[in-house]
């Protein structure tokens, strides 16, 4: 098993261009895209399960505590902590794409005011 993984990585190393590391900006972009997609998938799966399974009506704590403690059924903090993680991944994708746009944008043309330099010097641009 380990030998086959080693062979696969050796072939991948020999065929790919080593100047395109996976940990560069393209790798960071695609890692954030995959993270956002998987995070949304987990949010949807847990939310659908919560809504359809009846789990929100059968909390073990309310039966164990002899109905002294009446909890309010909710999705839990883990579900809501996943939302900022997905938003951060999407924000990273947006920032990387904004960086790409700003780097590829043509710079404004230079403005030359000859009246400020009327001493006869030659401008080389």
PDB file of N, CA and C in Angstrom:
ATOM      1  N   UNK A   1       0.826  -1.193   0.000  1.00  0.00           N
ATOM      2  CA  UNK A   1       0.000   0.000   0.000  1.00  0.00           C
ATOM      3  C   UNK A   1       0.871   1.257   0.000  1.00  0.00           C
ATOM      4  N   UNK A   2       1.845   1.285   0.899  1.00  0.00           N
ATOM      5  CA  UNK A   2       2.719   2.451   0.990  1.00  0.00           C
ATOM      6  C   UNK A   2       3.545   2.585  -0.284  1.00  0.00           C
ATOM      7  N   UNK A   3       3.953   1.464  -0.836  1.00  0.00           N
ATOM      8  CA  UNK A   3       4.759   1.481  -2.060  1.00  0.00           C
ATOM      9  C   UNK A   3       3.957   2.024  -3.237  1.00  0.00           C
ATOM     10  N   UNK A   4       2.666   1.701  -3.303  1.00  0.00           N
ATOM     11  CA  UNK A   4       1.844   2.216  -4.400  1.00  0.00           C
ATOM     12  C   UNK A   4       1.636   3.729  -4.266  1.00  0.00           C
ATOM     13  N   UNK A   5       1.468   4.203  -3.038  1.00  0.00           N
ATOM     14  CA  UNK A   5       1.353   5.648  -2.828  1.00  0.00           C
ATOM     15  C   UNK A   5       2.669   6.325  -3.205  1.00  0.00           C
ATOM     16  N   UNK A   6       3.783   5.695  -2.842  1.00  0.00           N
ATOM     17  CA  UNK A   6       5.092   6.240  -3.203  1.00  0.00           C
ATOM     18  C   UNK A   6       5.252   6.305  -4.717  1.00  0.00           C
ATOM     19  N   UNK A   7       4.854   5.248  -5.419  1.00  0.00           N
ATOM     20  CA  UNK A   7       4.955   5.238  -6.880  1.00  0.00           C
ATOM     21  C   UNK A   7       4.055   6.298  -7.508  1.00  0.00           C
ATOM     22  N   UNK A   8       2.851   6.435  -6.983  1.00  0.00           N
ATOM     23  CA  UNK A   8       1.933   7.447  -7.507  1.00  0.00           C
ATOM     24  C   UNK A   8       2.503   8.852  -7.308  1.00  0.00           C
ATOM     25  N   UNK A   9       3.047   9.121  -6.136  1.00  0.00           N
ATOM     26  CA  UNK A   9       3.625  10.441  -5.884  1.00  0.00           C
ATOM     27  C   UNK A   9       4.880  10.680  -6.730  1.00  0.00           C
ATOM     28  N   UNK A  10       5.657   9.643  -6.997  1.00  0.00           N
ATOM     29  CA  UNK A  10       6.836   9.795  -7.851  1.00  0.00           C
ATOM     30  C   UNK A  10       6.430  10.126  -9.285  1.00  0.00           C
ATOM     31  N   UNK A  11       5.396   9.457  -9.785  1.00  0.00           N
ATOM     32  CA  UNK A  11       4.908   9.760 -11.141  1.00  0.00           C
ATOM     33  C   UNK A  11       4.338  11.166 -11.180  1.00  0.00           C
ATOM     34  N   UNK A  12       3.588  11.541 -10.167  1.00  0.00           N
ATOM     35  CA  UNK A  12       3.019  12.890 -10.107  1.00  0.00           C
ATOM     36  C   UNK A  12       4.116  13.943 -10.056  1.00  0.00           C
ATOM     37  N   UNK A  13       5.174  13.676  -9.311  1.00  0.00           N
ATOM     38  CA  UNK A  13       6.291  14.611  -9.205  1.00  0.00           C
ATOM     39  C   UNK A  13       7.037  14.732 -10.527  1.00  0.00           C
ATOM     40  N   UNK A  14       7.156  13.623 -11.250  1.00  0.00           N
ATOM     41  CA  UNK A  14       7.892  13.655 -12.510  1.00  0.00           C
ATOM     42  C   UNK A  14       7.098  14.312 -13.638  1.00  0.00           C
ATOM     43  N   UNK A  15       5.781  14.224 -13.588  1.00  0.00           N
ATOM     44  CA  UNK A  15       4.975  14.753 -14.694  1.00  0.00           C
ATOM     45  C   UNK A  15       4.524  16.188 -14.475  1.00  0.00           C
ATOM     46  N   UNK A  16       4.384  16.611 -13.256  1.00  0.00           N
ATOM     47  CA  UNK A  16       3.909  17.972 -12.997  1.00  0.00           C
ATOM     48  C   UNK A  16       5.062  18.958 -12.970  1.00  0.00           C
ATOM     49  N   UNK A  17       4.729  20.191 -13.261  1.00  0.00           N
ATOM     50  CA  UNK A  17       5.708  21.269 -13.234  1.00  0.00           C
ATOM     51  C   UNK A  17       5.947  21.656 -11.767  1.00  0.00           C
ATOM     52  N   UNK A  18       7.174  21.573 -11.281  1.00  0.00           N
ATOM     53  CA  UNK A  18       7.397  21.877  -9.857  1.00  0.00           C
ATOM     54  C   UNK A  18       7.248  23.356  -9.514  1.00  0.00           C
ATOM     55  N   UNK A  19       7.074  24.226 -10.509  1.00  0.00           N
ATOM     56  CA  UNK A  19       6.908  25.644 -10.187  1.00  0.00           C
ATOM     57  C   UNK A  19       5.468  25.983  -9.811  1.00  0.00           C
ATOM     58  N   UNK A  20       4.569  25.017  -9.846  1.00  0.00           N
ATOM     59  CA  UNK A  20       3.188  25.254  -9.452  1.00  0.00           C
ATOM     60  C   UNK A  20       2.888  24.490  -8.161  1.00  0.00           C
ATOM     61  N   UNK A  21       3.312  25.010  -7.021  1.00  0.00           N
ATOM     62  CA  UNK A  21       3.081  24.265  -5.778  1.00  0.00           C
ATOM     63  C   UNK A  21       1.613  24.312  -5.380  1.00  0.00           C
ATOM     64  N   UNK A  22       1.190  23.278  -4.709  1.00  0.00           N
ATOM     65  CA  UNK A  22      -0.205  23.226  -4.273  1.00  0.00           C
ATOM     66  C   UNK A  22      -0.465  24.223  -3.147  1.00  0.00           C
ATOM     67  N   UNK A  23       0.587  24.645  -2.450  1.00  0.00           N
ATOM     68  CA  UNK A  23       0.405  25.573  -1.347  1.00  0.00           C
ATOM     69  C   UNK A  23       0.555  27.024  -1.780  1.00  0.00           C
ATOM     70  N   UNK A  24       0.619  27.287  -3.090  1.00  0.00           N
ATOM     71  CA  UNK A  24       0.641  28.652  -3.598  1.00  0.00           C
ATOM     72  C   UNK A  24      -0.774  29.216  -3.608  1.00  0.00           C
ATOM     73  N   UNK A  25      -0.971  30.319  -4.310  1.00  0.00           N
ATOM     74  CA  UNK A  25      -2.298  30.934  -4.367  1.00  0.00           C
ATOM     75  C   UNK A  25      -3.338  30.072  -5.069  1.00  0.00           C
ATOM     76  N   UNK A  26      -2.993  29.368  -6.173  1.00  0.00           N
ATOM     77  CA  UNK A  26      -4.024  28.488  -6.753  1.00  0.00           C
ATOM     78  C   UNK A  26      -4.446  27.373  -5.797  1.00  0.00           C
ATOM     79  N   UNK A  27      -3.495  26.795  -5.090  1.00  0.00           N
ATOM     80  CA  UNK A  27      -3.843  25.766  -4.117  1.00  0.00           C
ATOM     81  C   UNK A  27      -4.664  26.320  -2.974  1.00  0.00           C
ATOM     82  N   UNK A  28      -4.336  27.524  -2.527  1.00  0.00           N
ATOM     83  CA  UNK A  28      -5.093  28.168  -1.451  1.00  0.00           C
ATOM     84  C   UNK A  28      -6.522  28.478  -1.915  1.00  0.00           C
ATOM     85  N   UNK A  29      -6.648  28.919  -3.165  1.00  0.00           N
ATOM     86  CA  UNK A  29      -7.958  29.219  -3.717  1.00  0.00           C
ATOM     87  C   UNK A  29      -8.823  27.962  -3.760  1.00  0.00           C
ATOM     88  N   UNK A  30      -8.297  26.895  -4.320  1.00  0.00           N
ATOM     89  CA  UNK A  30      -9.092  25.674  -4.458  1.00  0.00           C
ATOM     90  C   UNK A  30      -9.341  25.003  -3.110  1.00  0.00           C
ATOM     91  N   UNK A  31      -8.421  25.128  -2.183  1.00  0.00           N
ATOM     92  CA  UNK A  31      -8.656  24.578  -0.852  1.00  0.00           C
ATOM     93  C   UNK A  31      -9.807  25.310  -0.165  1.00  0.00           C
ATOM     94  N   UNK A  32      -9.870  26.629  -0.323  1.00  0.00           N
ATOM     95  CA  UNK A  32     -10.972  27.386   0.268  1.00  0.00           C
ATOM     96  C   UNK A  32     -12.295  27.090  -0.425  1.00  0.00           C
ATOM     97  N   UNK A  33     -12.270  26.872  -1.730  1.00  0.00           N
ATOM     98  CA  UNK A  33     -13.500  26.518  -2.443  1.00  0.00           C
ATOM     99  C   UNK A  33     -14.019  25.172  -1.945  1.00  0.00           C
ATOM    100  N   UNK A  34     -13.127  24.186  -1.847  1.00  0.00           N
ATOM    101  CA  UNK A  34     -13.538  22.860  -1.369  1.00  0.00           C
ATOM    102  C   UNK A  34     -14.022  22.940   0.080  1.00  0.00           C
ATOM    103  N   UNK A  35     -13.351  23.732   0.911  1.00  0.00           N
ATOM    104  CA  UNK A  35     -13.768  23.885   2.302  1.00  0.00           C
ATOM    105  C   UNK A  35     -15.157  24.499   2.398  1.00  0.00           C
ATOM    106  N   UNK A  36     -15.435  25.508   1.583  1.00  0.00           N
ATOM    107  CA  UNK A  36     -16.761  26.138   1.611  1.00  0.00           C
ATOM    108  C   UNK A  36     -17.840  25.168   1.130  1.00  0.00           C
ATOM    109  N   UNK A  37     -17.553  24.404   0.083  1.00  0.00           N
ATOM    110  CA  UNK A  37     -18.541  23.450  -0.430  1.00  0.00           C
ATOM    111  C   UNK A  37     -18.813  22.356   0.603  1.00  0.00           C
ATOM    112  N   UNK A  38     -17.755  21.819   1.218  1.00  0.00           N
ATOM    113  CA  UNK A  38     -17.952  20.778   2.226  1.00  0.00           C
ATOM    114  C   UNK A  38     -18.651  21.326   3.471  1.00  0.00           C
ATOM    115  N   UNK A  39     -18.340  22.556   3.847  1.00  0.00           N
ATOM    116  CA  UNK A  39     -19.016  23.166   4.994  1.00  0.00           C
ATOM    117  C   UNK A  39     -20.494  23.358   4.744  1.00  0.00           C
ATOM    118  N   UNK A  40     -20.844  23.832   3.540  1.00  0.00           N
ATOM    119  CA  UNK A  40     -22.258  23.978   3.198  1.00  0.00           C
ATOM    120  C   UNK A  40     -22.954  22.633   3.145  1.00  0.00           C
ATOM    121  N   UNK A  41     -22.251  21.604   2.666  1.00  0.00           N
ATOM    122  CA  UNK A  41     -22.838  20.263   2.625  1.00  0.00           C
ATOM    123  C   UNK A  41     -23.128  19.747   4.033  1.00  0.00           C
ATOM    124  N   UNK A  42     -22.191  19.949   4.950  1.00  0.00           N
ATOM    125  CA  UNK A  42     -22.403  19.515   6.335  1.00  0.00           C
ATOM    126  C   UNK A  42     -23.546  20.297   6.968  1.00  0.00           C
ATOM    127  N   UNK A  43     -23.608  21.603   6.716  1.00  0.00           N
ATOM    128  CA  UNK A  43     -24.711  22.398   7.255  1.00  0.00           C
ATOM    129  C   UNK A  43     -26.060  21.894   6.749  1.00  0.00           C
ATOM    130  N   UNK A  44     -26.135  21.606   5.456  1.00  0.00           N
ATOM    131  CA  UNK A  44     -27.397  21.129   4.896  1.00  0.00           C
ATOM    132  C   UNK A  44     -27.754  19.743   5.427  1.00  0.00           C
ATOM    133  N   UNK A  45     -26.778  18.837   5.490  1.00  0.00           N
ATOM    134  CA  UNK A  45     -27.069  17.484   5.971  1.00  0.00           C
ATOM    135  C   UNK A  45     -27.535  17.499   7.428  1.00  0.00           C
ATOM    136  N   UNK A  46     -26.858  18.257   8.284  1.00  0.00           N
ATOM    137  CA  UNK A  46     -27.250  18.291   9.680  1.00  0.00           C
ATOM    138  C   UNK A  46     -28.588  18.996   9.855  1.00  0.00           C
ATOM    139  N   UNK A  47     -28.799  20.084   9.125  1.00  0.00           N
ATOM    140  CA  UNK A  47     -30.070  20.800   9.226  1.00  0.00           C
ATOM    141  C   UNK A  47     -31.239  19.970   8.742  1.00  0.00           C
ATOM    142  N   UNK A  48     -31.056  19.248   7.643  1.00  0.00           N
ATOM    143  CA  UNK A  48     -32.127  18.393   7.134  1.00  0.00           C
ATOM    144  C   UNK A  48     -32.387  17.245   8.105  1.00  0.00           C
ATOM    145  N   UNK A  49     -31.324  16.657   8.627  1.00  0.00           N
ATOM    146  CA  UNK A  49     -31.493  15.566   9.599  1.00  0.00           C
ATOM    147  C   UNK A  49     -32.207  16.058  10.847  1.00  0.00           C
ATOM    148  N   UNK A  50     -31.835  17.222  11.317  1.00  0.00           N
ATOM    149  CA  UNK A  50     -32.452  17.795  12.519  1.00  0.00           C
ATOM    150  C   UNK A  50     -33.942  18.021  12.297  1.00  0.00           C
ATOM    151  N   UNK A  51     -34.301  18.507  11.103  1.00  0.00           N
ATOM    152  CA  UNK A  51     -35.698  18.838  10.836  1.00  0.00           C
ATOM    153  C   UNK A  51     -36.554  17.598  10.587  1.00  0.00           C
ATOM    154  N   UNK A  52     -35.982  16.562   9.989  1.00  0.00           N
ATOM    155  CA  UNK A  52     -36.805  15.416   9.593  1.00  0.00           C
ATOM    156  C   UNK A  52     -36.762  14.241  10.566  1.00  0.00           C
ATOM    157  N   UNK A  53     -35.786  14.175  11.445  1.00  0.00           N
ATOM    158  CA  UNK A  53     -35.637  12.986  12.288  1.00  0.00           C
ATOM    159  C   UNK A  53     -36.465  13.018  13.562  1.00  0.00           C
ATOM    160  N   UNK A  54     -36.956  14.144  13.926  1.00  0.00           N
ATOM    161  CA  UNK A  54     -37.655  14.246  15.196  1.00  0.00           C
ATOM    162  C   UNK A  54     -36.707  14.366  16.371  1.00  0.00           C
ATOM    163  N   UNK A  55     -35.430  14.583  16.102  1.00  0.00           N
ATOM    164  CA  UNK A  55     -34.431  14.700  17.159  1.00  0.00           C
ATOM    165  C   UNK A  55     -34.710  15.913  18.043  1.00  0.00           C
ATOM    166  N   UNK A  56     -35.322  16.928  17.474  1.00  0.00           N
ATOM    167  CA  UNK A  56     -35.590  18.134  18.250  1.00  0.00           C
ATOM    168  C   UNK A  56     -36.714  17.931  19.271  1.00  0.00           C
ATOM    169  N   UNK A  57     -37.467  16.830  19.172  1.00  0.00           N
ATOM    170  CA  UNK A  57     -38.540  16.569  20.133  1.00  0.00           C
ATOM    171  C   UNK A  57     -38.147  15.538  21.184  1.00  0.00           C
ATOM    172  N   UNK A  58     -37.030  14.869  21.004  1.00  0.00           N
ATOM    173  CA  UNK A  58     -36.631  13.801  21.912  1.00  0.00           C
ATOM    174  C   UNK A  58     -35.228  14.067  22.440  1.00  0.00           C
ATOM    175  N   UNK A  59     -35.144  14.875  23.442  1.00  0.00           N
ATOM    176  CA  UNK A  59     -33.861  15.151  24.062  1.00  0.00           C
ATOM    177  C   UNK A  59     -33.715  14.272  25.296  1.00  0.00           C
ATOM    178  N   UNK A  60     -32.617  13.540  25.356  1.00  0.00           N
ATOM    179  CA  UNK A  60     -32.414  12.606  26.469  1.00  0.00           C
ATOM    180  C   UNK A  60     -32.296  13.332  27.800  1.00  0.00           C
ATOM    181  N   UNK A  61     -31.750  14.518  27.801  1.00  0.00           N
ATOM    182  CA  UNK A  61     -31.540  15.249  29.045  1.00  0.00           C
ATOM    183  C   UNK A  61     -32.869  15.587  29.719  1.00  0.00           C
ATOM    184  N   UNK A  62     -33.881  15.869  28.940  1.00  0.00           N
ATOM    185  CA  UNK A  62     -35.157  16.232  29.543  1.00  0.00           C
ATOM    186  C   UNK A  62     -35.827  15.034  30.203  1.00  0.00           C
ATOM    187  N   UNK A  63     -35.571  13.835  29.724  1.00  0.00           N
ATOM    188  CA  UNK A  63     -36.142  12.647  30.357  1.00  0.00           C
ATOM    189  C   UNK A  63     -35.303  12.183  31.543  1.00  0.00           C
ATOM    190  N   UNK A  64     -34.000  12.334  31.469  1.00  0.00           N
ATOM    191  CA  UNK A  64     -33.125  11.889  32.553  1.00  0.00           C
ATOM    192  C   UNK A  64     -33.297  12.785  33.771  1.00  0.00           C
ATOM    193  N   UNK A  65     -33.458  14.044  33.576  1.00  0.00           N
ATOM    194  CA  UNK A  65     -33.529  14.988  34.691  1.00  0.00           C
ATOM    195  C   UNK A  65     -34.919  15.054  35.303  1.00  0.00           C
ATOM    196  N   UNK A  66     -35.767  14.089  34.980  1.00  0.00           N
ATOM    197  CA  UNK A  66     -37.117  14.000  35.561  1.00  0.00           C
ATOM    198  C   UNK A  66     -37.922  15.260  35.288  1.00  0.00           C
ATOM    199  N   UNK A  67     -37.748  15.779  34.134  1.00  0.00           N
ATOM    200  CA  UNK A  67     -38.486  16.938  33.636  1.00  0.00           C
ATOM    201  C   UNK A  67     -38.315  18.176  34.501  1.00  0.00           C
ATOM    202  N   UNK A  68     -37.273  18.206  35.314  1.00  0.00           N
ATOM    203  CA  UNK A  68     -36.972  19.421  36.054  1.00  0.00           C
ATOM    204  C   UNK A  68     -36.339  20.435  35.110  1.00  0.00           C
ATOM    205  N   UNK A  69     -35.495  19.935  34.261  1.00  0.00           N
ATOM    206  CA  UNK A  69     -34.819  20.787  33.286  1.00  0.00           C
ATOM    207  C   UNK A  69     -35.558  20.662  31.958  1.00  0.00           C
ATOM    208  N   UNK A  70     -36.104  21.738  31.479  1.00  0.00           N
ATOM    209  CA  UNK A  70     -36.837  21.722  30.208  1.00  0.00           C
ATOM    210  C   UNK A  70     -36.002  22.476  29.173  1.00  0.00           C
ATOM    211  N   UNK A  71     -35.167  21.763  28.443  1.00  0.00           N
ATOM    212  CA  UNK A  71     -34.308  22.449  27.481  1.00  0.00           C
ATOM    213  C   UNK A  71     -35.076  22.907  26.248  1.00  0.00           C
ATOM    214  N   UNK A  72     -34.577  23.944  25.670  1.00  0.00           N
ATOM    215  CA  UNK A  72     -35.142  24.439  24.420  1.00  0.00           C
ATOM    216  C   UNK A  72     -34.407  23.744  23.280  1.00  0.00           C
ATOM    217  N   UNK A  73     -35.092  22.974  22.468  1.00  0.00           N
ATOM    218  CA  UNK A  73     -34.389  22.271  21.388  1.00  0.00           C
ATOM    219  C   UNK A  73     -33.829  23.257  20.375  1.00  0.00           C
ATOM    220  N   UNK A  74     -32.564  23.113  20.112  1.00  0.00           N
ATOM    221  CA  UNK A  74     -31.920  23.981  19.131  1.00  0.00           C
ATOM    222  C   UNK A  74     -30.838  23.194  18.405  1.00  0.00           C
ATOM    223  N   UNK A  75     -30.300  23.767  17.382  1.00  0.00           N
ATOM    224  CA  UNK A  75     -29.299  23.078  16.573  1.00  0.00           C
ATOM    225  C   UNK A  75     -27.975  22.915  17.300  1.00  0.00           C
ATOM    226  N   UNK A  76     -27.692  23.738  18.260  1.00  0.00           N
ATOM    227  CA  UNK A  76     -26.441  23.635  19.004  1.00  0.00           C
ATOM    228  C   UNK A  76     -25.410  24.609  18.470  1.00  0.00           C
ATOM    229  N   UNK A  77     -24.416  24.888  19.303  1.00  0.00           N
ATOM    230  CA  UNK A  77     -23.424  25.889  18.932  1.00  0.00           C
ATOM    231  C   UNK A  77     -22.483  25.393  17.848  1.00  0.00           C
ATOM    232  N   UNK A  78     -22.289  24.097  17.715  1.00  0.00           N
ATOM    233  CA  UNK A  78     -21.392  23.581  16.676  1.00  0.00           C
ATOM    234  C   UNK A  78     -21.921  23.901  15.287  1.00  0.00           C
ATOM    235  N   UNK A  79     -23.226  23.818  15.132  1.00  0.00           N
ATOM    236  CA  UNK A  79     -23.846  24.148  13.840  1.00  0.00           C
ATOM    237  C   UNK A  79     -23.615  25.614  13.496  1.00  0.00           C
ATOM    238  N   UNK A  80     -23.809  26.477  14.480  1.00  0.00           N
ATOM    239  CA  UNK A  80     -23.686  27.908  14.211  1.00  0.00           C
ATOM    240  C   UNK A  80     -22.238  28.348  14.091  1.00  0.00           C
ATOM    241  N   UNK A  81     -21.301  27.612  14.682  1.00  0.00           N
ATOM    242  CA  UNK A  81     -19.884  27.939  14.508  1.00  0.00           C
ATOM    243  C   UNK A  81     -19.372  27.558  13.122  1.00  0.00           C
ATOM    244  N   UNK A  82     -20.078  26.677  12.453  1.00  0.00           N
ATOM    245  CA  UNK A  82     -19.682  26.306  11.100  1.00  0.00           C
ATOM    246  C   UNK A  82     -20.018  27.410  10.093  1.00  0.00           C
ATOM    247  N   UNK A  83     -21.023  28.209  10.383  1.00  0.00           N
ATOM    248  CA  UNK A  83     -21.381  29.311   9.479  1.00  0.00           C
ATOM    249  C   UNK A  83     -20.251  30.332   9.302  1.00  0.00           C
ATOM    250  N   UNK A  84     -19.627  30.842  10.375  1.00  0.00           N
ATOM    251  CA  UNK A  84     -18.507  31.766  10.158  1.00  0.00           C
ATOM    252  C   UNK A  84     -17.340  31.119   9.429  1.00  0.00           C
ATOM    253  N   UNK A  85     -17.118  29.827   9.640  1.00  0.00           N
ATOM    254  CA  UNK A  85     -16.028  29.152   8.928  1.00  0.00           C
ATOM    255  C   UNK A  85     -16.298  29.132   7.427  1.00  0.00           C
ATOM    256  N   UNK A  86     -17.536  28.876   7.045  1.00  0.00           N
ATOM    257  CA  UNK A  86     -17.894  28.887   5.621  1.00  0.00           C
ATOM    258  C   UNK A  86     -17.769  30.304   5.067  1.00  0.00           C
ATOM    259  N   UNK A  87     -18.226  31.286   5.818  1.00  0.00           N
ATOM    260  CA  UNK A  87     -18.118  32.675   5.360  1.00  0.00           C
ATOM    261  C   UNK A  87     -16.663  33.117   5.233  1.00  0.00           C
ATOM    262  N   UNK A  88     -15.806  32.668   6.134  1.00  0.00           N
ATOM    263  CA  UNK A  88     -14.383  33.003   6.039  1.00  0.00           C
ATOM    264  C   UNK A  88     -13.760  32.382   4.795  1.00  0.00           C
ATOM    265  N   UNK A  89     -14.128  31.152   4.490  1.00  0.00           N
ATOM    266  CA  UNK A  89     -13.605  30.513   3.275  1.00  0.00           C
ATOM    267  C   UNK A  89     -14.066  31.259   2.031  1.00  0.00           C
ATOM    268  N   UNK A  90     -15.330  31.650   2.014  1.00  0.00           N
ATOM    269  CA  UNK A  90     -15.836  32.401   0.859  1.00  0.00           C
ATOM    270  C   UNK A  90     -15.193  33.790   0.772  1.00  0.00           C
ATOM    271  N   UNK A  91     -14.917  34.400   1.922  1.00  0.00           N
ATOM    272  CA  UNK A  91     -14.222  35.689   1.931  1.00  0.00           C
ATOM    273  C   UNK A  91     -12.805  35.542   1.398  1.00  0.00           C
ATOM    274  N   UNK A  92     -12.119  34.459   1.761  1.00  0.00           N
ATOM    275  CA  UNK A  92     -10.781  34.218   1.231  1.00  0.00           C
ATOM    276  C   UNK A  92     -10.799  34.054  -0.277  1.00  0.00           C
ATOM    277  N   UNK A  93     -11.787  33.340  -0.790  1.00  0.00           N
ATOM    278  CA  UNK A  93     -11.912  33.181  -2.246  1.00  0.00           C
ATOM    279  C   UNK A  93     -12.127  34.540  -2.895  1.00  0.00           C
ATOM    280  N   UNK A  94     -12.995  35.350  -2.308  1.00  0.00           N
ATOM    281  CA  UNK A  94     -13.245  36.681  -2.850  1.00  0.00           C
ATOM    282  C   UNK A  94     -12.009  37.565  -2.826  1.00  0.00           C
ATOM    283  N   UNK A  95     -11.240  37.508  -1.747  1.00  0.00           N
ATOM    284  CA  UNK A  95     -10.025  38.324  -1.653  1.00  0.00           C
ATOM    285  C   UNK A  95      -8.956  37.871  -2.648  1.00  0.00           C
ATOM    286  N   UNK A  96      -8.829  36.569  -2.850  1.00  0.00           N
ATOM    287  CA  UNK A  96      -7.846  36.081  -3.825  1.00  0.00           C
ATOM    288  C   UNK A  96      -8.251  36.495  -5.240  1.00  0.00           C
ATOM    289  N   UNK A  97      -9.548  36.423  -5.536  1.00  0.00           N
ATOM    290  CA  UNK A  97     -10.010  36.852  -6.861  1.00  0.00           C
ATOM    291  C   UNK A  97      -9.872  38.367  -7.028  1.00  0.00           C
ATOM    292  N   UNK A  98     -10.097  39.139  -5.959  1.00  0.00           N
ATOM    293  CA  UNK A  98      -9.894  40.590  -6.020  1.00  0.00           C
ATOM    294  C   UNK A  98      -8.431  40.909  -6.266  1.00  0.00           C
ATOM    295  N   UNK A  99      -7.531  40.175  -5.624  1.00  0.00           N
ATOM    296  CA  UNK A  99      -6.096  40.363  -5.839  1.00  0.00           C
ATOM    297  C   UNK A  99      -5.729  40.085  -7.285  1.00  0.00           C
ATOM    298  N   UNK A 100      -6.286  38.992  -7.844  1.00  0.00           N
ATOM    299  CA  UNK A 100      -6.019  38.663  -9.242  1.00  0.00           C
ATOM    300  C   UNK A 100      -6.510  39.771 -10.172  1.00  0.00           C
ATOM    301  N   UNK A 101      -7.707  40.303  -9.883  1.00  0.00           N
ATOM    302  CA  UNK A 101      -8.253  41.381 -10.718  1.00  0.00           C
ATOM    303  C   UNK A 101      -7.382  42.641 -10.630  1.00  0.00           C
ATOM    304  N   UNK A 102      -6.974  43.002  -9.412  1.00  0.00           N
ATOM    305  CA  UNK A 102      -6.178  44.215  -9.251  1.00  0.00           C
ATOM    306  C   UNK A 102      -4.795  44.086  -9.893  1.00  0.00           C
ATOM    307  N   UNK A 103      -4.232  42.882  -9.879  1.00  0.00           N
ATOM    308  CA  UNK A 103      -2.920  42.702 -10.509  1.00  0.00           C
ATOM    309  C   UNK A 103      -3.002  42.679 -12.028  1.00  0.00           C
ATOM    310  N   UNK A 104      -4.126  42.211 -12.579  1.00  0.00           N
ATOM    311  CA  UNK A 104      -4.263  42.121 -14.029  1.00  0.00           C
ATOM    312  C   UNK A 104      -4.836  43.389 -14.650  1.00  0.00           C
ATOM    313  N   UNK A 105      -5.319  44.293 -13.816  1.00  0.00           N
ATOM    314  CA  UNK A 105      -5.903  45.534 -14.313  1.00  0.00           C
ATOM    315  C   UNK A 105      -4.806  46.427 -14.876  1.00  0.00           C
ATOM    316  N   UNK A 106      -5.087  47.075 -15.999  1.00  0.00           N
ATOM    317  CA  UNK A 106      -4.119  47.995 -16.587  1.00  0.00           C
ATOM    318  C   UNK A 106      -3.966  49.229 -15.704  1.00  0.00           C
ATOM    319  N   UNK A 107      -2.739  49.665 -15.493  1.00  0.00           N
ATOM    320  CA  UNK A 107      -2.546  50.873 -14.680  1.00  0.00           C
ATOM    321  C   UNK A 107      -3.013  52.110 -15.458  1.00  0.00           C
ATOM    322  N   UNK A 108      -3.349  53.164 -14.747  1.00  0.00           N
ATOM    323  CA  UNK A 108      -3.768  54.382 -15.445  1.00  0.00           C
ATOM    324  C   UNK A 108      -2.595  54.984 -16.214  1.00  0.00           C
ATOM    325  N   UNK A 109      -2.886  55.653 -17.315  1.00  0.00           N
ATOM    326  CA  UNK A 109      -1.786  56.258 -18.077  1.00  0.00           C
ATOM    327  C   UNK A 109      -1.131  57.380 -17.271  1.00  0.00           C
ATOM    328  N   UNK A 110       0.170  57.561 -17.454  1.00  0.00           N
ATOM    329  CA  UNK A 110       0.849  58.621 -16.696  1.00  0.00           C
ATOM    330  C   UNK A 110       0.427  60.002 -17.190  1.00  0.00           C
ATOM    331  N   UNK A 111       0.358  60.912 -16.261  1.00  0.00           N
ATOM    332  CA  UNK A 111       0.030  62.296 -16.615  1.00  0.00           C
ATOM    333  C   UNK A 111       1.310  63.114 -16.564  1.00  0.00           C
ATOM    334  N   UNK A 112       1.591  63.754 -17.674  1.00  0.00           N
ATOM    335  CA  UNK A 112       2.800  64.569 -17.778  1.00  0.00           C
ATOM    336  C   UNK A 112       2.362  66.025 -17.931  1.00  0.00           C
ATOM    337  N   UNK A 113       2.833  66.854 -17.039  1.00  0.00           N
ATOM    338  CA  UNK A 113       2.531  68.281 -17.115  1.00  0.00           C
ATOM    339  C   UNK A 113       3.813  69.000 -17.497  1.00  0.00           C
ATOM    340  N   UNK A 114       3.857  69.416 -18.731  1.00  0.00           N
ATOM    341  CA  UNK A 114       5.059  70.047 -19.257  1.00  0.00           C
ATOM    342  C   UNK A 114       5.233  71.447 -18.673  1.00  0.00           C
ATOM    343  N   UNK A 115       4.171  72.098 -18.334  1.00  0.00           N
ATOM    344  CA  UNK A 115       4.290  73.460 -17.827  1.00  0.00           C
ATOM    345  C   UNK A 115       5.014  73.516 -16.487  1.00  0.00           C
ATOM    346  N   UNK A 116       5.022  72.411 -15.723  1.00  0.00           N
ATOM    347  CA  UNK A 116       5.755  72.399 -14.470  1.00  0.00           C
ATOM    348  C   UNK A 116       7.255  72.204 -14.679  1.00  0.00           C
ATOM    349  N   UNK A 117       7.651  71.696 -15.839  1.00  0.00           N
ATOM    350  CA  UNK A 117       9.054  71.424 -16.130  1.00  0.00           C
ATOM    351  C   UNK A 117       9.455  72.181 -17.395  1.00  0.00           C
ATOM    352  N   UNK A 118       9.417  73.456 -17.324  1.00  0.00           N
ATOM    353  CA  UNK A 118       9.695  74.266 -18.512  1.00  0.00           C
ATOM    354  C   UNK A 118      11.158  74.728 -18.557  1.00  0.00           C
ATOM    355  N   UNK A 119      12.065  73.993 -17.911  1.00  0.00           N
ATOM    356  CA  UNK A 119      13.447  74.397 -17.916  1.00  0.00           C
ATOM    357  C   UNK A 119      14.235  73.773 -19.059  1.00  0.00           C
ATOM    358  N   UNK A 120      13.559  73.094 -19.987  1.00  0.00           N
ATOM    359  CA  UNK A 120      14.252  72.535 -21.147  1.00  0.00           C
ATOM    360  C   UNK A 120      14.779  71.133 -20.956  1.00  0.00           C
ATOM    361  N   UNK A 121      14.417  70.466 -19.872  1.00  0.00           N
ATOM    362  CA  UNK A 121      14.906  69.084 -19.684  1.00  0.00           C
ATOM    363  C   UNK A 121      14.132  68.150 -20.609  1.00  0.00           C
ATOM    364  N   UNK A 122      14.749  67.039 -20.946  1.00  0.00           N
ATOM    365  CA  UNK A 122      14.139  66.058 -21.836  1.00  0.00           C
ATOM    366  C   UNK A 122      13.465  64.998 -20.995  1.00  0.00           C
ATOM    367  N   UNK A 123      12.235  64.716 -21.354  1.00  0.00           N
ATOM    368  CA  UNK A 123      11.485  63.681 -20.671  1.00  0.00           C
ATOM    369  C   UNK A 123      11.659  62.351 -21.407  1.00  0.00           C
ATOM    370  N   UNK A 124      12.060  61.316 -20.723  1.00  0.00           N
ATOM    371  CA  UNK A 124      12.168  59.987 -21.295  1.00  0.00           C
ATOM    372  C   UNK A 124      11.188  59.063 -20.579  1.00  0.00           C
ATOM    373  N   UNK A 125      10.204  58.587 -21.341  1.00  0.00           N
ATOM    374  CA  UNK A 125       9.206  57.692 -20.758  1.00  0.00           C
ATOM    375  C   UNK A 125       9.082  56.474 -21.628  1.00  0.00           C
TER     376      UNK A 125
END
